[in-house]
Amino acid sequence: MILAYLLVTAVRVVALGRLGDMFGRVFLELVSGPFHHALVTVFSAAAAMSLIGALTSVLHGRHHQAGPDQPVASTKGQEPCQTAPSS
């Protein structure tokens, strides 16, 4: 079907003497469909990932910052870190 379209368009354009116009127009018509589909796919995936990230953030809860008298991470059940002796 595409080959027949290209052939008919080529015959028309050659008959009118506008060979350069044919390649520009035919190329744009052939590429615009797949390019549009790719853009829709990429932006849909980006929107879906954004929504998943936002939903995960909402469900995870608020982050609490440690105060001056609170440890940064929970050390419950862990042994304290030992520092290496300084030389």
PDB file of N, CA and C in Angstrom:
ATOM      1  N   MET A   1       0.833  -1.183   0.000  1.00  0.00           N
ATOM      2  CA  MET A   1       0.000   0.000   0.000  1.00  0.00           C
ATOM      3  C   MET A   1       0.881   1.252   0.000  1.00  0.00           C
ATOM      4  N   ILE A   2       1.903   1.269   0.878  1.00  0.00           N
ATOM      5  CA  ILE A   2       2.791   2.431   0.926  1.00  0.00           C
ATOM      6  C   ILE A   2       3.595   2.527  -0.363  1.00  0.00           C
ATOM      7  N   LEU A   3       4.001   1.380  -0.907  1.00  0.00           N
ATOM      8  CA  LEU A   3       4.773   1.380  -2.143  1.00  0.00           C
ATOM      9  C   LEU A   3       3.944   1.935  -3.298  1.00  0.00           C
ATOM     10  N   ALA A   4       2.672   1.555  -3.352  1.00  0.00           N
ATOM     11  CA  ALA A   4       1.791   2.076  -4.400  1.00  0.00           C
ATOM     12  C   ALA A   4       1.611   3.582  -4.232  1.00  0.00           C
ATOM     13  N   TYR A   5       1.451   4.042  -3.016  1.00  0.00           N
ATOM     14  CA  TYR A   5       1.302   5.479  -2.754  1.00  0.00           C
ATOM     15  C   TYR A   5       2.555   6.240  -3.200  1.00  0.00           C
ATOM     16  N   LEU A   6       3.721   5.692  -2.860  1.00  0.00           N
ATOM     17  CA  LEU A   6       4.968   6.331  -3.259  1.00  0.00           C
ATOM     18  C   LEU A   6       5.107   6.379  -4.783  1.00  0.00           C
ATOM     19  N   LEU A   7       4.716   5.296  -5.443  1.00  0.00           N
ATOM     20  CA  LEU A   7       4.826   5.235  -6.892  1.00  0.00           C
ATOM     21  C   LEU A   7       3.901   6.251  -7.553  1.00  0.00           C
ATOM     22  N   VAL A   8       2.650   6.321  -7.097  1.00  0.00           N
ATOM     23  CA  VAL A   8       1.693   7.275  -7.657  1.00  0.00           C
ATOM     24  C   VAL A   8       2.157   8.702  -7.414  1.00  0.00           C
ATOM     25  N   THR A   9       2.636   8.976  -6.204  1.00  0.00           N
ATOM     26  CA  THR A   9       3.123  10.315  -5.885  1.00  0.00           C
ATOM     27  C   THR A   9       4.340  10.658  -6.732  1.00  0.00           C
ATOM     28  N   ALA A  10       5.234   9.706  -6.947  1.00  0.00           N
ATOM     29  CA  ALA A  10       6.426   9.943  -7.762  1.00  0.00           C
ATOM     30  C   ALA A  10       6.053  10.247  -9.200  1.00  0.00           C
ATOM     31  N   VAL A  11       5.106   9.522  -9.734  1.00  0.00           N
ATOM     32  CA  VAL A  11       4.676   9.765 -11.123  1.00  0.00           C
ATOM     33  C   VAL A  11       4.062  11.148 -11.245  1.00  0.00           C
ATOM     34  N   ARG A  12       3.231  11.529 -10.286  1.00  0.00           N
ATOM     35  CA  ARG A  12       2.617  12.865 -10.315  1.00  0.00           C
ATOM     36  C   ARG A  12       3.681  13.962 -10.252  1.00  0.00           C
ATOM     37  N   VAL A  13       4.618  13.803  -9.337  1.00  0.00           N
ATOM     38  CA  VAL A  13       5.614  14.842  -9.123  1.00  0.00           C
ATOM     39  C   VAL A  13       6.568  14.945 -10.301  1.00  0.00           C
ATOM     40  N   VAL A  14       6.978  13.802 -10.847  1.00  0.00           N
ATOM     41  CA  VAL A  14       7.880  13.823 -11.994  1.00  0.00           C
ATOM     42  C   VAL A  14       7.169  14.455 -13.184  1.00  0.00           C
ATOM     43  N   ALA A  15       5.872  14.159 -13.328  1.00  0.00           N
ATOM     44  CA  ALA A  15       5.111  14.757 -14.425  1.00  0.00           C
ATOM     45  C   ALA A  15       5.033  16.274 -14.269  1.00  0.00           C
ATOM     46  N   LEU A  16       4.986  16.750 -13.030  1.00  0.00           N
ATOM     47  CA  LEU A  16       4.916  18.191 -12.791  1.00  0.00           C
ATOM     48  C   LEU A  16       6.298  18.821 -12.674  1.00  0.00           C
ATOM     49  N   GLY A  17       7.349  18.006 -12.585  1.00  0.00           N
ATOM     50  CA  GLY A  17       8.709  18.527 -12.525  1.00  0.00           C
ATOM     51  C   GLY A  17       9.124  19.036 -11.158  1.00  0.00           C
ATOM     52  N   ARG A  18       8.510  18.538 -10.108  1.00  0.00           N
ATOM     53  CA  ARG A  18       8.861  18.987  -8.744  1.00  0.00           C
ATOM     54  C   ARG A  18       9.391  17.820  -7.938  1.00  0.00           C
ATOM     55  N   LEU A  19      10.518  17.297  -8.325  1.00  0.00           N
ATOM     56  CA  LEU A  19      11.091  16.124  -7.661  1.00  0.00           C
ATOM     57  C   LEU A  19      11.498  16.432  -6.225  1.00  0.00           C
ATOM     58  N   GLY A  20      12.092  17.592  -5.985  1.00  0.00           N
ATOM     59  CA  GLY A  20      12.511  17.970  -4.627  1.00  0.00           C
ATOM     60  C   GLY A  20      11.335  18.107  -3.681  1.00  0.00           C
ATOM     61  N   ASP A  21      10.214  18.641  -4.190  1.00  0.00           N
ATOM     62  CA  ASP A  21       9.010  18.792  -3.371  1.00  0.00           C
ATOM     63  C   ASP A  21       8.444  17.433  -2.981  1.00  0.00           C
ATOM     64  N   MET A  22       8.549  16.460  -3.887  1.00  0.00           N
ATOM     65  CA  MET A  22       8.015  15.122  -3.599  1.00  0.00           C
ATOM     66  C   MET A  22       8.719  14.496  -2.407  1.00  0.00           C
ATOM     67  N   PHE A  23      10.041  14.548  -2.399  1.00  0.00           N
ATOM     68  CA  PHE A  23      10.771  13.897  -1.316  1.00  0.00           C
ATOM     69  C   PHE A  23      10.491  14.566   0.019  1.00  0.00           C
ATOM     70  N   GLY A  24      10.395  15.887   0.037  1.00  0.00           N
ATOM     71  CA  GLY A  24      10.079  16.587   1.276  1.00  0.00           C
ATOM     72  C   GLY A  24       8.704  16.243   1.799  1.00  0.00           C
ATOM     73  N   ARG A  25       7.713  16.259   0.925  1.00  0.00           N
ATOM     74  CA  ARG A  25       6.329  16.006   1.346  1.00  0.00           C
ATOM     75  C   ARG A  25       6.127  14.544   1.730  1.00  0.00           C
ATOM     76  N   VAL A  26       6.622  13.636   0.906  1.00  0.00           N
ATOM     77  CA  VAL A  26       6.451  12.204   1.177  1.00  0.00           C
ATOM     78  C   VAL A  26       7.180  11.819   2.456  1.00  0.00           C
ATOM     79  N   PHE A  27       8.386  12.340   2.636  1.00  0.00           N
ATOM     80  CA  PHE A  27       9.149  12.027   3.845  1.00  0.00           C
ATOM     81  C   PHE A  27       8.396  12.494   5.088  1.00  0.00           C
ATOM     82  N   LEU A  28       7.879  13.719   5.046  1.00  0.00           N
ATOM     83  CA  LEU A  28       7.139  14.233   6.205  1.00  0.00           C
ATOM     84  C   LEU A  28       5.892  13.420   6.481  1.00  0.00           C
ATOM     85  N   GLU A  29       5.187  12.992   5.444  1.00  0.00           N
ATOM     86  CA  GLU A  29       3.975  12.189   5.646  1.00  0.00           C
ATOM     87  C   GLU A  29       4.305  10.809   6.204  1.00  0.00           C
ATOM     88  N   LEU A  30       5.415  10.239   5.769  1.00  0.00           N
ATOM     89  CA  LEU A  30       5.790   8.905   6.259  1.00  0.00           C
ATOM     90  C   LEU A  30       6.318   8.939   7.682  1.00  0.00           C
ATOM     91  N   VAL A  31       7.018  10.001   8.061  1.00  0.00           N
ATOM     92  CA  VAL A  31       7.663  10.065   9.358  1.00  0.00           C
ATOM     93  C   VAL A  31       6.729  10.610  10.439  1.00  0.00           C
ATOM     94  N   SER A  32       5.788  11.462  10.087  1.00  0.00           N
ATOM     95  CA  SER A  32       4.982  12.137  11.097  1.00  0.00           C
ATOM     96  C   SER A  32       4.149  11.168  11.939  1.00  0.00           C
ATOM     97  N   GLY A  33       3.620  10.102  11.356  1.00  0.00           N
ATOM     98  CA  GLY A  33       2.816   9.135  12.115  1.00  0.00           C
ATOM     99  C   GLY A  33       3.629   8.415  13.186  1.00  0.00           C
ATOM    100  N   PRO A  34       4.717   7.747  12.807  1.00  0.00           N
ATOM    101  CA  PRO A  34       5.536   7.062  13.812  1.00  0.00           C
ATOM    102  C   PRO A  34       6.146   8.014  14.842  1.00  0.00           C
ATOM    103  N   PHE A  35       6.524   9.211  14.410  1.00  0.00           N
ATOM    104  CA  PHE A  35       7.099  10.183  15.340  1.00  0.00           C
ATOM    105  C   PHE A  35       6.054  10.604  16.370  1.00  0.00           C
ATOM    106  N   HIS A  36       4.837  10.838  15.924  1.00  0.00           N
ATOM    107  CA  HIS A  36       3.754  11.203  16.850  1.00  0.00           C
ATOM    108  C   HIS A  36       3.499  10.065  17.837  1.00  0.00           C
ATOM    109  N   HIS A  37       3.486   8.847  17.331  1.00  0.00           N
ATOM    110  CA  HIS A  37       3.259   7.688  18.201  1.00  0.00           C
ATOM    111  C   HIS A  37       4.365   7.570  19.253  1.00  0.00           C
ATOM    112  N   ALA A  38       5.607   7.786  18.837  1.00  0.00           N
ATOM    113  CA  ALA A  38       6.730   7.701  19.784  1.00  0.00           C
ATOM    114  C   ALA A  38       6.629   8.787  20.845  1.00  0.00           C
ATOM    115  N   LEU A  39       6.264  10.014  20.443  1.00  0.00           N
ATOM    116  CA  LEU A  39       6.119  11.101  21.420  1.00  0.00           C
ATOM    117  C   LEU A  39       5.011  10.799  22.422  1.00  0.00           C
ATOM    118  N   VAL A  40       3.889  10.292  21.935  1.00  0.00           N
ATOM    119  CA  VAL A  40       2.785   9.951  22.841  1.00  0.00           C
ATOM    120  C   VAL A  40       3.228   8.866  23.818  1.00  0.00           C
ATOM    121  N   THR A  41       3.951   7.866  23.323  1.00  0.00           N
ATOM    122  CA  THR A  41       4.411   6.778  24.182  1.00  0.00           C
ATOM    123  C   THR A  41       5.370   7.288  25.252  1.00  0.00           C
ATOM    124  N   VAL A  42       6.340   8.101  24.856  1.00  0.00           N
ATOM    125  CA  VAL A  42       7.349   8.588  25.801  1.00  0.00           C
ATOM    126  C   VAL A  42       6.727   9.497  26.858  1.00  0.00           C
ATOM    127  N   PHE A  43       5.866  10.428  26.442  1.00  0.00           N
ATOM    128  CA  PHE A  43       5.269  11.327  27.417  1.00  0.00           C
ATOM    129  C   PHE A  43       4.250  10.615  28.310  1.00  0.00           C
ATOM    130  N   SER A  44       3.574   9.605  27.787  1.00  0.00           N
ATOM    131  CA  SER A  44       2.667   8.813  28.627  1.00  0.00           C
ATOM    132  C   SER A  44       3.456   8.040  29.683  1.00  0.00           C
ATOM    133  N   ALA A  45       4.576   7.470  29.298  1.00  0.00           N
ATOM    134  CA  ALA A  45       5.420   6.748  30.257  1.00  0.00           C
ATOM    135  C   ALA A  45       5.958   7.704  31.319  1.00  0.00           C
ATOM    136  N   ALA A  46       6.368   8.900  30.914  1.00  0.00           N
ATOM    137  CA  ALA A  46       6.875   9.880  31.874  1.00  0.00           C
ATOM    138  C   ALA A  46       5.777  10.308  32.850  1.00  0.00           C
ATOM    139  N   ALA A  47       4.573  10.513  32.347  1.00  0.00           N
ATOM    140  CA  ALA A  47       3.462  10.891  33.224  1.00  0.00           C
ATOM    141  C   ALA A  47       3.137   9.761  34.199  1.00  0.00           C
ATOM    142  N   ALA A  48       3.141   8.527  33.710  1.00  0.00           N
ATOM    143  CA  ALA A  48       2.852   7.382  34.579  1.00  0.00           C
ATOM    144  C   ALA A  48       3.922   7.245  35.665  1.00  0.00           C
ATOM    145  N   MET A  49       5.189   7.404  35.305  1.00  0.00           N
ATOM    146  CA  MET A  49       6.258   7.305  36.303  1.00  0.00           C
ATOM    147  C   MET A  49       6.168   8.429  37.326  1.00  0.00           C
ATOM    148  N   SER A  50       5.771   9.609  36.875  1.00  0.00           N
ATOM    149  CA  SER A  50       5.588  10.729  37.803  1.00  0.00           C
ATOM    150  C   SER A  50       4.481  10.434  38.805  1.00  0.00           C
ATOM    151  N   LEU A  51       3.372   9.908  38.297  1.00  0.00           N
ATOM    152  CA  LEU A  51       2.257   9.585  39.191  1.00  0.00           C
ATOM    153  C   LEU A  51       2.628   8.473  40.175  1.00  0.00           C
ATOM    154  N   ILE A  52       3.365   7.476  39.710  1.00  0.00           N
ATOM    155  CA  ILE A  52       3.805   6.397  40.596  1.00  0.00           C
ATOM    156  C   ILE A  52       4.726   6.955  41.676  1.00  0.00           C
ATOM    157  N   GLY A  53       5.635   7.832  41.298  1.00  0.00           N
ATOM    158  CA  GLY A  53       6.535   8.452  42.275  1.00  0.00           C
ATOM    159  C   GLY A  53       5.790   9.298  43.285  1.00  0.00           C
ATOM    160  N   ALA A  54       4.796  10.072  42.816  1.00  0.00           N
ATOM    161  CA  ALA A  54       4.013  10.899  43.730  1.00  0.00           C
ATOM    162  C   ALA A  54       3.192  10.034  44.675  1.00  0.00           C
ATOM    163  N   LEU A  55       2.582   8.983  44.153  1.00  0.00           N
ATOM    164  CA  LEU A  55       1.781   8.086  44.995  1.00  0.00           C
ATOM    165  C   LEU A  55       2.662   7.389  46.027  1.00  0.00           C
ATOM    166  N   THR A  56       3.834   6.946  45.621  1.00  0.00           N
ATOM    167  CA  THR A  56       4.765   6.302  46.555  1.00  0.00           C
ATOM    168  C   THR A  56       5.188   7.273  47.643  1.00  0.00           C
ATOM    169  N   SER A  57       5.440   8.501  47.262  1.00  0.00           N
ATOM    170  CA  SER A  57       5.843   9.513  48.237  1.00  0.00           C
ATOM    171  C   SER A  57       4.722   9.791  49.239  1.00  0.00           C
ATOM    172  N   VAL A  58       3.495   9.862  48.755  1.00  0.00           N
ATOM    173  CA  VAL A  58       2.359  10.119  49.644  1.00  0.00           C
ATOM    174  C   VAL A  58       2.136   8.939  50.588  1.00  0.00           C
ATOM    175  N   LEU A  59       2.228   7.729  50.063  1.00  0.00           N
ATOM    176  CA  LEU A  59       1.986   6.545  50.892  1.00  0.00           C
ATOM    177  C   LEU A  59       3.115   6.283  51.879  1.00  0.00           C
ATOM    178  N   HIS A  60       4.325   6.730  51.563  1.00  0.00           N
ATOM    179  CA  HIS A  60       5.469   6.494  52.442  1.00  0.00           C
ATOM    180  C   HIS A  60       5.361   7.313  53.715  1.00  0.00           C
ATOM    181  N   GLY A  61       4.770   8.463  53.624  1.00  0.00           N
ATOM    182  CA  GLY A  61       4.611   9.297  54.816  1.00  0.00           C
ATOM    183  C   GLY A  61       5.610  10.424  54.860  1.00  0.00           C
ATOM    184  N   ARG A  62       5.513  11.196  55.918  1.00  0.00           N
ATOM    185  CA  ARG A  62       6.391  12.352  56.076  1.00  0.00           C
ATOM    186  C   ARG A  62       7.753  11.924  56.573  1.00  0.00           C
ATOM    187  N   HIS A  63       8.761  12.670  56.188  1.00  0.00           N
ATOM    188  CA  HIS A  63      10.119  12.447  56.666  1.00  0.00           C
ATOM    189  C   HIS A  63      10.344  13.362  57.859  1.00  0.00           C
ATOM    190  N   HIS A  64      10.839  12.804  58.930  1.00  0.00           N
ATOM    191  CA  HIS A  64      11.125  13.596  60.125  1.00  0.00           C
ATOM    192  C   HIS A  64      12.618  13.878  60.177  1.00  0.00           C
ATOM    193  N   GLN A  65      12.955  15.112  60.396  1.00  0.00           N
ATOM    194  CA  GLN A  65      14.362  15.461  60.515  1.00  0.00           C
ATOM    195  C   GLN A  65      14.792  15.271  61.962  1.00  0.00           C
ATOM    196  N   ALA A  66      15.992  14.792  62.116  1.00  0.00           N
ATOM    197  CA  ALA A  66      16.514  14.559  63.459  1.00  0.00           C
ATOM    198  C   ALA A  66      16.857  15.894  64.112  1.00  0.00           C
ATOM    199  N   GLY A  67      16.503  16.000  65.374  1.00  0.00           N
ATOM    200  CA  GLY A  67      16.837  17.196  66.136  1.00  0.00           C
ATOM    201  C   GLY A  67      18.227  17.063  66.730  1.00  0.00           C
ATOM    202  N   PRO A  68      18.661  18.046  67.508  1.00  0.00           N
ATOM    203  CA  PRO A  68      20.014  17.993  68.084  1.00  0.00           C
ATOM    204  C   PRO A  68      20.200  16.861  69.090  1.00  0.00           C
ATOM    205  N   ASP A  69      19.134  16.434  69.738  1.00  0.00           N
ATOM    206  CA  ASP A  69      19.279  15.370  70.733  1.00  0.00           C
ATOM    207  C   ASP A  69      18.754  14.030  70.230  1.00  0.00           C
ATOM    208  N   GLN A  70      18.455  13.928  68.940  1.00  0.00           N
ATOM    209  CA  GLN A  70      17.965  12.677  68.362  1.00  0.00           C
ATOM    210  C   GLN A  70      18.992  12.147  67.364  1.00  0.00           C
ATOM    211  N   PRO A  71      19.182  10.823  67.316  1.00  0.00           N
ATOM    212  CA  PRO A  71      20.115  10.277  66.327  1.00  0.00           C
ATOM    213  C   PRO A  71      19.531  10.397  64.920  1.00  0.00           C
ATOM    214  N   VAL A  72      20.408  10.423  63.943  1.00  0.00           N
ATOM    215  CA  VAL A  72      19.972  10.553  62.560  1.00  0.00           C
ATOM    216  C   VAL A  72      19.261   9.283  62.115  1.00  0.00           C
ATOM    217  N   ALA A  73      19.763   8.127  62.474  1.00  0.00           N
ATOM    218  CA  ALA A  73      19.149   6.862  62.098  1.00  0.00           C
ATOM    219  C   ALA A  73      18.920   6.039  63.359  1.00  0.00           C
ATOM    220  N   SER A  74      17.995   5.125  63.259  1.00  0.00           N
ATOM    221  CA  SER A  74      17.713   4.261  64.403  1.00  0.00           C
ATOM    222  C   SER A  74      18.870   3.291  64.598  1.00  0.00           C
ATOM    223  N   THR A  75      19.372   3.214  65.817  1.00  0.00           N
ATOM    224  CA  THR A  75      20.463   2.285  66.129  1.00  0.00           C
ATOM    225  C   THR A  75      19.980   1.162  67.027  1.00  0.00           C
ATOM    226  N   LYS A  76      18.693   0.996  67.089  1.00  0.00           N
ATOM    227  CA  LYS A  76      18.113  -0.033  67.943  1.00  0.00           C
ATOM    228  C   LYS A  76      18.537  -1.412  67.449  1.00  0.00           C
ATOM    229  N   GLY A  77      19.138  -2.200  68.336  1.00  0.00           N
ATOM    230  CA  GLY A  77      19.554  -3.559  67.996  1.00  0.00           C
ATOM    231  C   GLY A  77      20.888  -3.627  67.287  1.00  0.00           C
ATOM    232  N   GLN A  78      21.577  -2.516  67.150  1.00  0.00           N
ATOM    233  CA  GLN A  78      22.874  -2.515  66.484  1.00  0.00           C
ATOM    234  C   GLN A  78      23.968  -2.176  67.482  1.00  0.00           C
ATOM    235  N   GLU A  79      25.133  -2.705  67.195  1.00  0.00           N
ATOM    236  CA  GLU A  79      26.267  -2.382  68.049  1.00  0.00           C
ATOM    237  C   GLU A  79      26.820  -1.023  67.627  1.00  0.00           C
ATOM    238  N   PRO A  80      27.364  -0.269  68.567  1.00  0.00           N
ATOM    239  CA  PRO A  80      27.928   1.035  68.198  1.00  0.00           C
ATOM    240  C   PRO A  80      29.150   0.870  67.301  1.00  0.00           C
ATOM    241  N   CYS A  81      29.354   1.847  66.448  1.00  0.00           N
ATOM    242  CA  CYS A  81      30.506   1.834  65.537  1.00  0.00           C
ATOM    243  C   CYS A  81      31.791   2.081  66.334  1.00  0.00           C
ATOM    244  N   GLN A  82      32.838   1.413  65.958  1.00  0.00           N
ATOM    245  CA  GLN A  82      34.121   1.647  66.588  1.00  0.00           C
ATOM    246  C   GLN A  82      34.997   2.388  65.593  1.00  0.00           C
ATOM    247  N   THR A  83      35.641   3.408  66.051  1.00  0.00           N
ATOM    248  CA  THR A  83      36.509   4.184  65.164  1.00  0.00           C
ATOM    249  C   THR A  83      37.881   3.547  65.141  1.00  0.00           C
ATOM    250  N   ALA A  84      38.545   3.734  64.038  1.00  0.00           N
ATOM    251  CA  ALA A  84      39.888   3.197  63.896  1.00  0.00           C
ATOM    252  C   ALA A  84      40.847   4.050  64.723  1.00  0.00           C
ATOM    253  N   PRO A  85      41.852   3.423  65.345  1.00  0.00           N
ATOM    254  CA  PRO A  85      42.796   4.230  66.133  1.00  0.00           C
ATOM    255  C   PRO A  85      43.563   5.172  65.217  1.00  0.00           C
ATOM    256  N   SER A  86      43.750   6.387  65.700  1.00  0.00           N
ATOM    257  CA  SER A  86      44.482   7.367  64.907  1.00  0.00           C
ATOM    258  C   SER A  86      45.975   7.185  65.108  1.00  0.00           C
ATOM    259  N   SER A  87      46.726   7.380  64.066  1.00  0.00           N
ATOM    260  CA  SER A  87      48.176   7.187  64.179  1.00  0.00           C
ATOM    261  C   SER A  87      48.903   8.453  64.435  1.00  0.00           C
TER     262      SER A  87
END
